[in-house]
Amino acid sequence: MRSLIRFFSGFIMGALVGTVLALLFSPTSGDELRSQIRAEAERVQDEVKKAASERRMELEHQLEAMRSPKTTS
């Protein structure tokens, strides 16, 4: 669990640093850059929602399997 938290902390920090560097060194106009950032943020948000939904389904299946009585022969 600790390594997962470290991974996400590093991921978020890397994303922030990358965003700042992209803003500083970007050759595109401000409006165009903002629309690109918005589109990328929406894409990432959609991916996170999809991954969370898939993981939730996996956990629900595991919980259901644990709740169902096991028959021994």
PDB file of N, CA and C in Angstrom:
ATOM      1  N   MET A   1       0.820  -1.184   0.000  1.00  0.00           N
ATOM      2  CA  MET A   1       0.000   0.000   0.000  1.00  0.00           C
ATOM      3  C   MET A   1       0.870   1.257   0.000  1.00  0.00           C
ATOM      4  N   ARG A   2       1.952   1.203   0.756  1.00  0.00           N
ATOM      5  CA  ARG A   2       2.841   2.354   0.842  1.00  0.00           C
ATOM      6  C   ARG A   2       3.485   2.649  -0.522  1.00  0.00           C
ATOM      7  N   SER A   3       3.832   1.591  -1.253  1.00  0.00           N
ATOM      8  CA  SER A   3       4.456   1.815  -2.560  1.00  0.00           C
ATOM      9  C   SER A   3       3.448   2.394  -3.547  1.00  0.00           C
ATOM     10  N   LEU A   4       2.171   2.039  -3.420  1.00  0.00           N
ATOM     11  CA  LEU A   4       1.143   2.596  -4.281  1.00  0.00           C
ATOM     12  C   LEU A   4       0.973   4.089  -4.017  1.00  0.00           C
ATOM     13  N   ILE A   5       1.001   4.467  -2.759  1.00  0.00           N
ATOM     14  CA  ILE A   5       0.891   5.883  -2.403  1.00  0.00           C
ATOM     15  C   ILE A   5       2.098   6.651  -2.925  1.00  0.00           C
ATOM     16  N   ARG A   6       3.268   6.068  -2.793  1.00  0.00           N
ATOM     17  CA  ARG A   6       4.480   6.727  -3.315  1.00  0.00           C
ATOM     18  C   ARG A   6       4.406   6.875  -4.833  1.00  0.00           C
ATOM     19  N   PHE A   7       3.896   5.846  -5.503  1.00  0.00           N
ATOM     20  CA  PHE A   7       3.773   5.903  -6.964  1.00  0.00           C
ATOM     21  C   PHE A   7       2.868   7.059  -7.371  1.00  0.00           C
ATOM     22  N   PHE A   8       1.672   7.139  -6.753  1.00  0.00           N
ATOM     23  CA  PHE A   8       0.737   8.190  -7.122  1.00  0.00           C
ATOM     24  C   PHE A   8       1.264   9.571  -6.742  1.00  0.00           C
ATOM     25  N   SER A   9       1.974   9.676  -5.633  1.00  0.00           N
ATOM     26  CA  SER A   9       2.577  10.956  -5.257  1.00  0.00           C
ATOM     27  C   SER A   9       3.604  11.377  -6.305  1.00  0.00           C
ATOM     28  N   GLY A  10       4.438  10.448  -6.720  1.00  0.00           N
ATOM     29  CA  GLY A  10       5.422  10.742  -7.758  1.00  0.00           C
ATOM     30  C   GLY A  10       4.772  11.074  -9.079  1.00  0.00           C
ATOM     31  N   PHE A  11       3.705  10.364  -9.401  1.00  0.00           N
ATOM     32  CA  PHE A  11       2.987  10.610 -10.650  1.00  0.00           C
ATOM     33  C   PHE A  11       2.407  12.027 -10.663  1.00  0.00           C
ATOM     34  N   ILE A  12       1.772  12.405  -9.572  1.00  0.00           N
ATOM     35  CA  ILE A  12       1.162  13.734  -9.494  1.00  0.00           C
ATOM     36  C   ILE A  12       2.226  14.821  -9.538  1.00  0.00           C
ATOM     37  N   MET A  13       3.310  14.635  -8.804  1.00  0.00           N
ATOM     38  CA  MET A  13       4.393  15.627  -8.824  1.00  0.00           C
ATOM     39  C   MET A  13       5.000  15.740 -10.219  1.00  0.00           C
ATOM     40  N   GLY A  14       5.208  14.616 -10.862  1.00  0.00           N
ATOM     41  CA  GLY A  14       5.745  14.632 -12.222  1.00  0.00           C
ATOM     42  C   GLY A  14       4.818  15.339 -13.194  1.00  0.00           C
ATOM     43  N   ALA A  15       3.522  15.104 -13.041  1.00  0.00           N
ATOM     44  CA  ALA A  15       2.550  15.769 -13.908  1.00  0.00           C
ATOM     45  C   ALA A  15       2.567  17.275 -13.691  1.00  0.00           C
ATOM     46  N   LEU A  16       2.668  17.694 -12.442  1.00  0.00           N
ATOM     47  CA  LEU A  16       2.713  19.135 -12.156  1.00  0.00           C
ATOM     48  C   LEU A  16       3.972  19.781 -12.726  1.00  0.00           C
ATOM     49  N   VAL A  17       5.101  19.147 -12.523  1.00  0.00           N
ATOM     50  CA  VAL A  17       6.365  19.684 -13.057  1.00  0.00           C
ATOM     51  C   VAL A  17       6.310  19.728 -14.579  1.00  0.00           C
ATOM     52  N   GLY A  18       5.801  18.667 -15.188  1.00  0.00           N
ATOM     53  CA  GLY A  18       5.676  18.634 -16.645  1.00  0.00           C
ATOM     54  C   GLY A  18       4.766  19.727 -17.168  1.00  0.00           C
ATOM     55  N   THR A  19       3.677  19.973 -16.462  1.00  0.00           N
ATOM     56  CA  THR A  19       2.743  21.021 -16.873  1.00  0.00           C
ATOM     57  C   THR A  19       3.394  22.391 -16.806  1.00  0.00           C
ATOM     58  N   VAL A  20       4.091  22.650 -15.727  1.00  0.00           N
ATOM     59  CA  VAL A  20       4.762  23.944 -15.580  1.00  0.00           C
ATOM     60  C   VAL A  20       5.815  24.131 -16.672  1.00  0.00           C
ATOM     61  N   LEU A  21       6.601  23.103 -16.926  1.00  0.00           N
ATOM     62  CA  LEU A  21       7.622  23.208 -17.974  1.00  0.00           C
ATOM     63  C   LEU A  21       6.990  23.394 -19.347  1.00  0.00           C
ATOM     64  N   ALA A  22       5.894  22.711 -19.600  1.00  0.00           N
ATOM     65  CA  ALA A  22       5.207  22.877 -20.884  1.00  0.00           C
ATOM     66  C   ALA A  22       4.702  24.295 -21.051  1.00  0.00           C
ATOM     67  N   LEU A  23       4.187  24.862 -19.982  1.00  0.00           N
ATOM     68  CA  LEU A  23       3.709  26.245 -20.061  1.00  0.00           C
ATOM     69  C   LEU A  23       4.844  27.225 -20.306  1.00  0.00           C
ATOM     70  N   LEU A  24       5.975  26.983 -19.665  1.00  0.00           N
ATOM     71  CA  LEU A  24       7.101  27.906 -19.807  1.00  0.00           C
ATOM     72  C   LEU A  24       7.768  27.836 -21.180  1.00  0.00           C
ATOM     73  N   PHE A  25       7.854  26.659 -21.748  1.00  0.00           N
ATOM     74  CA  PHE A  25       8.617  26.484 -22.986  1.00  0.00           C
ATOM     75  C   PHE A  25       7.753  26.213 -24.215  1.00  0.00           C
ATOM     76  N   SER A  26       6.480  26.456 -24.122  1.00  0.00           N
ATOM     77  CA  SER A  26       5.569  26.158 -25.215  1.00  0.00           C
ATOM     78  C   SER A  26       5.665  27.201 -26.328  1.00  0.00           C
ATOM     79  N   PRO A  27       5.738  26.743 -27.584  1.00  0.00           N
ATOM     80  CA  PRO A  27       5.778  27.677 -28.701  1.00  0.00           C
ATOM     81  C   PRO A  27       4.382  28.080 -29.183  1.00  0.00           C
ATOM     82  N   THR A  28       3.324  27.530 -28.589  1.00  0.00           N
ATOM     83  CA  THR A  28       1.961  27.831 -29.043  1.00  0.00           C
ATOM     84  C   THR A  28       1.384  29.012 -28.281  1.00  0.00           C
ATOM     85  N   SER A  29       0.280  29.541 -28.806  1.00  0.00           N
ATOM     86  CA  SER A  29      -0.364  30.681 -28.154  1.00  0.00           C
ATOM     87  C   SER A  29      -1.056  30.233 -26.873  1.00  0.00           C
ATOM     88  N   GLY A  30      -1.384  31.177 -26.036  1.00  0.00           N
ATOM     89  CA  GLY A  30      -2.019  30.888 -24.759  1.00  0.00           C
ATOM     90  C   GLY A  30      -3.365  30.199 -24.915  1.00  0.00           C
ATOM     91  N   ASP A  31      -4.204  30.690 -25.821  1.00  0.00           N
ATOM     92  CA  ASP A  31      -5.521  30.094 -26.021  1.00  0.00           C
ATOM     93  C   ASP A  31      -5.407  28.658 -26.522  1.00  0.00           C
ATOM     94  N   GLU A  32      -4.530  28.456 -27.477  1.00  0.00           N
ATOM     95  CA  GLU A  32      -4.342  27.116 -28.027  1.00  0.00           C
ATOM     96  C   GLU A  32      -3.788  26.164 -26.967  1.00  0.00           C
ATOM     97  N   LEU A  33      -2.850  26.650 -26.191  1.00  0.00           N
ATOM     98  CA  LEU A  33      -2.253  25.830 -25.141  1.00  0.00           C
ATOM     99  C   LEU A  33      -3.283  25.468 -24.076  1.00  0.00           C
ATOM    100  N   ARG A  34      -4.107  26.417 -23.689  1.00  0.00           N
ATOM    101  CA  ARG A  34      -5.148  26.139 -22.689  1.00  0.00           C
ATOM    102  C   ARG A  34      -6.130  25.089 -23.201  1.00  0.00           C
ATOM    103  N   SER A  35      -6.487  25.166 -24.471  1.00  0.00           N
ATOM    104  CA  SER A  35      -7.416  24.166 -25.010  1.00  0.00           C
ATOM    105  C   SER A  35      -6.758  22.788 -25.066  1.00  0.00           C
ATOM    106  N   GLN A  36      -5.464  22.741 -25.378  1.00  0.00           N
ATOM    107  CA  GLN A  36      -4.752  21.457 -25.380  1.00  0.00           C
ATOM    108  C   GLN A  36      -4.671  20.878 -23.970  1.00  0.00           C
ATOM    109  N   ILE A  37      -4.390  21.734 -22.994  1.00  0.00           N
ATOM    110  CA  ILE A  37      -4.305  21.277 -21.605  1.00  0.00           C
ATOM    111  C   ILE A  37      -5.670  20.780 -21.141  1.00  0.00           C
ATOM    112  N   ARG A  38      -6.708  21.509 -21.479  1.00  0.00           N
ATOM    113  CA  ARG A  38      -8.067  21.112 -21.097  1.00  0.00           C
ATOM    114  C   ARG A  38      -8.419  19.749 -21.699  1.00  0.00           C
ATOM    115  N   ALA A  39      -8.093  19.566 -22.967  1.00  0.00           N
ATOM    116  CA  ALA A  39      -8.388  18.295 -23.637  1.00  0.00           C
ATOM    117  C   ALA A  39      -7.611  17.146 -22.990  1.00  0.00           C
ATOM    118  N   GLU A  40      -6.356  17.393 -22.679  1.00  0.00           N
ATOM    119  CA  GLU A  40      -5.535  16.346 -22.046  1.00  0.00           C
ATOM    120  C   GLU A  40      -6.045  16.032 -20.643  1.00  0.00           C
ATOM    121  N   ALA A  41      -6.440  17.058 -19.903  1.00  0.00           N
ATOM    122  CA  ALA A  41      -6.979  16.843 -18.558  1.00  0.00           C
ATOM    123  C   ALA A  41      -8.271  16.028 -18.624  1.00  0.00           C
ATOM    124  N   GLU A  42      -9.111  16.310 -19.589  1.00  0.00           N
ATOM    125  CA  GLU A  42     -10.347  15.537 -19.755  1.00  0.00           C
ATOM    126  C   GLU A  42     -10.038  14.088 -20.120  1.00  0.00           C
ATOM    127  N   ARG A  43      -9.041  13.878 -20.966  1.00  0.00           N
ATOM    128  CA  ARG A  43      -8.663  12.522 -21.357  1.00  0.00           C
ATOM    129  C   ARG A  43      -8.159  11.739 -20.148  1.00  0.00           C
ATOM    130  N   VAL A  44      -7.316  12.375 -19.361  1.00  0.00           N
ATOM    131  CA  VAL A  44      -6.782  11.715 -18.166  1.00  0.00           C
ATOM    132  C   VAL A  44      -7.909  11.426 -17.177  1.00  0.00           C
ATOM    133  N   GLN A  45      -8.815  12.374 -17.016  1.00  0.00           N
ATOM    134  CA  GLN A  45      -9.942  12.185 -16.105  1.00  0.00           C
ATOM    135  C   GLN A  45     -10.805  11.007 -16.560  1.00  0.00           C
ATOM    136  N   ASP A  46     -11.052  10.909 -17.854  1.00  0.00           N
ATOM    137  CA  ASP A  46     -11.835   9.786 -18.376  1.00  0.00           C
ATOM    138  C   ASP A  46     -11.124   8.456 -18.128  1.00  0.00           C
ATOM    139  N   GLU A  47      -9.813   8.426 -18.324  1.00  0.00           N
ATOM    140  CA  GLU A  47      -9.053   7.199 -18.087  1.00  0.00           C
ATOM    141  C   GLU A  47      -9.093   6.797 -16.615  1.00  0.00           C
ATOM    142  N   VAL A  48      -8.979   7.775 -15.729  1.00  0.00           N
ATOM    143  CA  VAL A  48      -9.014   7.482 -14.294  1.00  0.00           C
ATOM    144  C   VAL A  48     -10.391   6.963 -13.904  1.00  0.00           C
ATOM    145  N   LYS A  49     -11.443   7.577 -14.420  1.00  0.00           N
ATOM    146  CA  LYS A  49     -12.794   7.110 -14.131  1.00  0.00           C
ATOM    147  C   LYS A  49     -12.998   5.680 -14.629  1.00  0.00           C
ATOM    148  N   LYS A  50     -12.504   5.401 -15.821  1.00  0.00           N
ATOM    149  CA  LYS A  50     -12.645   4.056 -16.385  1.00  0.00           C
ATOM    150  C   LYS A  50     -11.880   3.037 -15.535  1.00  0.00           C
ATOM    151  N   ALA A  51     -10.650   3.370 -15.164  1.00  0.00           N
ATOM    152  CA  ALA A  51      -9.845   2.454 -14.345  1.00  0.00           C
ATOM    153  C   ALA A  51     -10.493   2.235 -12.980  1.00  0.00           C
ATOM    154  N   ALA A  52     -11.032   3.291 -12.385  1.00  0.00           N
ATOM    155  CA  ALA A  52     -11.692   3.163 -11.088  1.00  0.00           C
ATOM    156  C   ALA A  52     -12.938   2.303 -11.197  1.00  0.00           C
ATOM    157  N   SER A  53     -13.681   2.479 -12.267  1.00  0.00           N
ATOM    158  CA  SER A  53     -14.884   1.674 -12.476  1.00  0.00           C
ATOM    159  C   SER A  53     -14.537   0.196 -12.648  1.00  0.00           C
ATOM    160  N   GLU A  54     -13.505  -0.069 -13.443  1.00  0.00           N
ATOM    161  CA  GLU A  54     -13.081  -1.456 -13.650  1.00  0.00           C
ATOM    162  C   GLU A  54     -12.612  -2.085 -12.342  1.00  0.00           C
ATOM    163  N   ARG A  55     -11.853  -1.339 -11.577  1.00  0.00           N
ATOM    164  CA  ARG A  55     -11.359  -1.860 -10.291  1.00  0.00           C
ATOM    165  C   ARG A  55     -12.513  -2.093  -9.323  1.00  0.00           C
ATOM    166  N   ARG A  56     -13.472  -1.202  -9.327  1.00  0.00           N
ATOM    167  CA  ARG A  56     -14.638  -1.370  -8.453  1.00  0.00           C
ATOM    168  C   ARG A  56     -15.390  -2.648  -8.807  1.00  0.00           C
ATOM    169  N   MET A  57     -15.565  -2.890 -10.100  1.00  0.00           N
ATOM    170  CA  MET A  57     -16.251  -4.115 -10.530  1.00  0.00           C
ATOM    171  C   MET A  57     -15.481  -5.351 -10.077  1.00  0.00           C
ATOM    172  N   GLU A  58     -14.154  -5.317 -10.215  1.00  0.00           N
ATOM    173  CA  GLU A  58     -13.327  -6.440  -9.768  1.00  0.00           C
ATOM    174  C   GLU A  58     -13.506  -6.686  -8.274  1.00  0.00           C
ATOM    175  N   LEU A  59     -13.475  -5.611  -7.498  1.00  0.00           N
ATOM    176  CA  LEU A  59     -13.620  -5.738  -6.051  1.00  0.00           C
ATOM    177  C   LEU A  59     -15.015  -6.224  -5.663  1.00  0.00           C
ATOM    178  N   GLU A  60     -16.034  -5.767  -6.383  1.00  0.00           N
ATOM    179  CA  GLU A  60     -17.388  -6.231  -6.103  1.00  0.00           C
ATOM    180  C   GLU A  60     -17.522  -7.723  -6.390  1.00  0.00           C
ATOM    181  N   HIS A  61     -16.907  -8.193  -7.477  1.00  0.00           N
ATOM    182  CA  HIS A  61     -16.932  -9.625  -7.788  1.00  0.00           C
ATOM    183  C   HIS A  61     -16.200 -10.428  -6.713  1.00  0.00           C
ATOM    184  N   GLN A  62     -15.077  -9.912  -6.269  1.00  0.00           N
ATOM    185  CA  GLN A  62     -14.332 -10.605  -5.215  1.00  0.00           C
ATOM    186  C   GLN A  62     -15.139 -10.639  -3.920  1.00  0.00           C
ATOM    187  N   LEU A  63     -15.799  -9.544  -3.592  1.00  0.00           N
ATOM    188  CA  LEU A  63     -16.614  -9.490  -2.385  1.00  0.00           C
ATOM    189  C   LEU A  63     -17.780 -10.473  -2.483  1.00  0.00           C
ATOM    190  N   GLU A  64     -18.417 -10.519  -3.632  1.00  0.00           N
ATOM    191  CA  GLU A  64     -19.526 -11.450  -3.834  1.00  0.00           C
ATOM    192  C   GLU A  64     -19.050 -12.891  -3.707  1.00  0.00           C
ATOM    193  N   ALA A  65     -17.875 -13.188  -4.254  1.00  0.00           N
ATOM    194  CA  ALA A  65     -17.330 -14.537  -4.144  1.00  0.00           C
ATOM    195  C   ALA A  65     -17.028 -14.883  -2.687  1.00  0.00           C
ATOM    196  N   MET A  66     -16.587 -13.926  -1.916  1.00  0.00           N
ATOM    197  CA  MET A  66     -16.281 -14.174  -0.513  1.00  0.00           C
ATOM    198  C   MET A  66     -17.559 -14.339   0.311  1.00  0.00           C
ATOM    199  N   ARG A  67     -18.625 -13.656  -0.071  1.00  0.00           N
ATOM    200  CA  ARG A  67     -19.883 -13.730   0.655  1.00  0.00           C
ATOM    201  C   ARG A  67     -20.653 -15.002   0.364  1.00  0.00           C
ATOM    202  N   SER A  68     -20.510 -15.529  -0.845  1.00  0.00           N
ATOM    203  CA  SER A  68     -21.294 -16.716  -1.199  1.00  0.00           C
ATOM    204  C   SER A  68     -20.774 -17.912  -0.422  1.00  0.00           C
ATOM    205  N   PRO A  69     -21.701 -18.736   0.051  1.00  0.00           N
ATOM    206  CA  PRO A  69     -21.270 -19.909   0.833  1.00  0.00           C
ATOM    207  C   PRO A  69     -20.554 -20.917  -0.058  1.00  0.00           C
ATOM    208  N   LYS A  70     -19.500 -21.456   0.477  1.00  0.00           N
ATOM    209  CA  LYS A  70     -18.738 -22.456  -0.260  1.00  0.00           C
ATOM    210  C   LYS A  70     -19.217 -23.832   0.152  1.00  0.00           C
ATOM    211  N   THR A  71     -19.462 -24.662  -0.835  1.00  0.00           N
ATOM    212  CA  THR A  71     -19.879 -26.038  -0.526  1.00  0.00           C
ATOM    213  C   THR A  71     -18.694 -26.939  -0.648  1.00  0.00           C
ATOM    214  N   THR A  72     -18.552 -27.809   0.344  1.00  0.00           N
ATOM    215  CA  THR A  72     -17.460 -28.762   0.313  1.00  0.00           C
ATOM    216  C   THR A  72     -18.022 -30.148   0.059  1.00  0.00           C
ATOM    217  N   SER A  73     -17.361 -30.908  -0.736  1.00  0.00           N
ATOM    218  CA  SER A  73     -17.847 -32.244  -1.081  1.00  0.00           C
ATOM    219  C   SER A  73     -17.045 -33.308  -0.389  1.00  0.00           C
TER     220      SER A  73
END
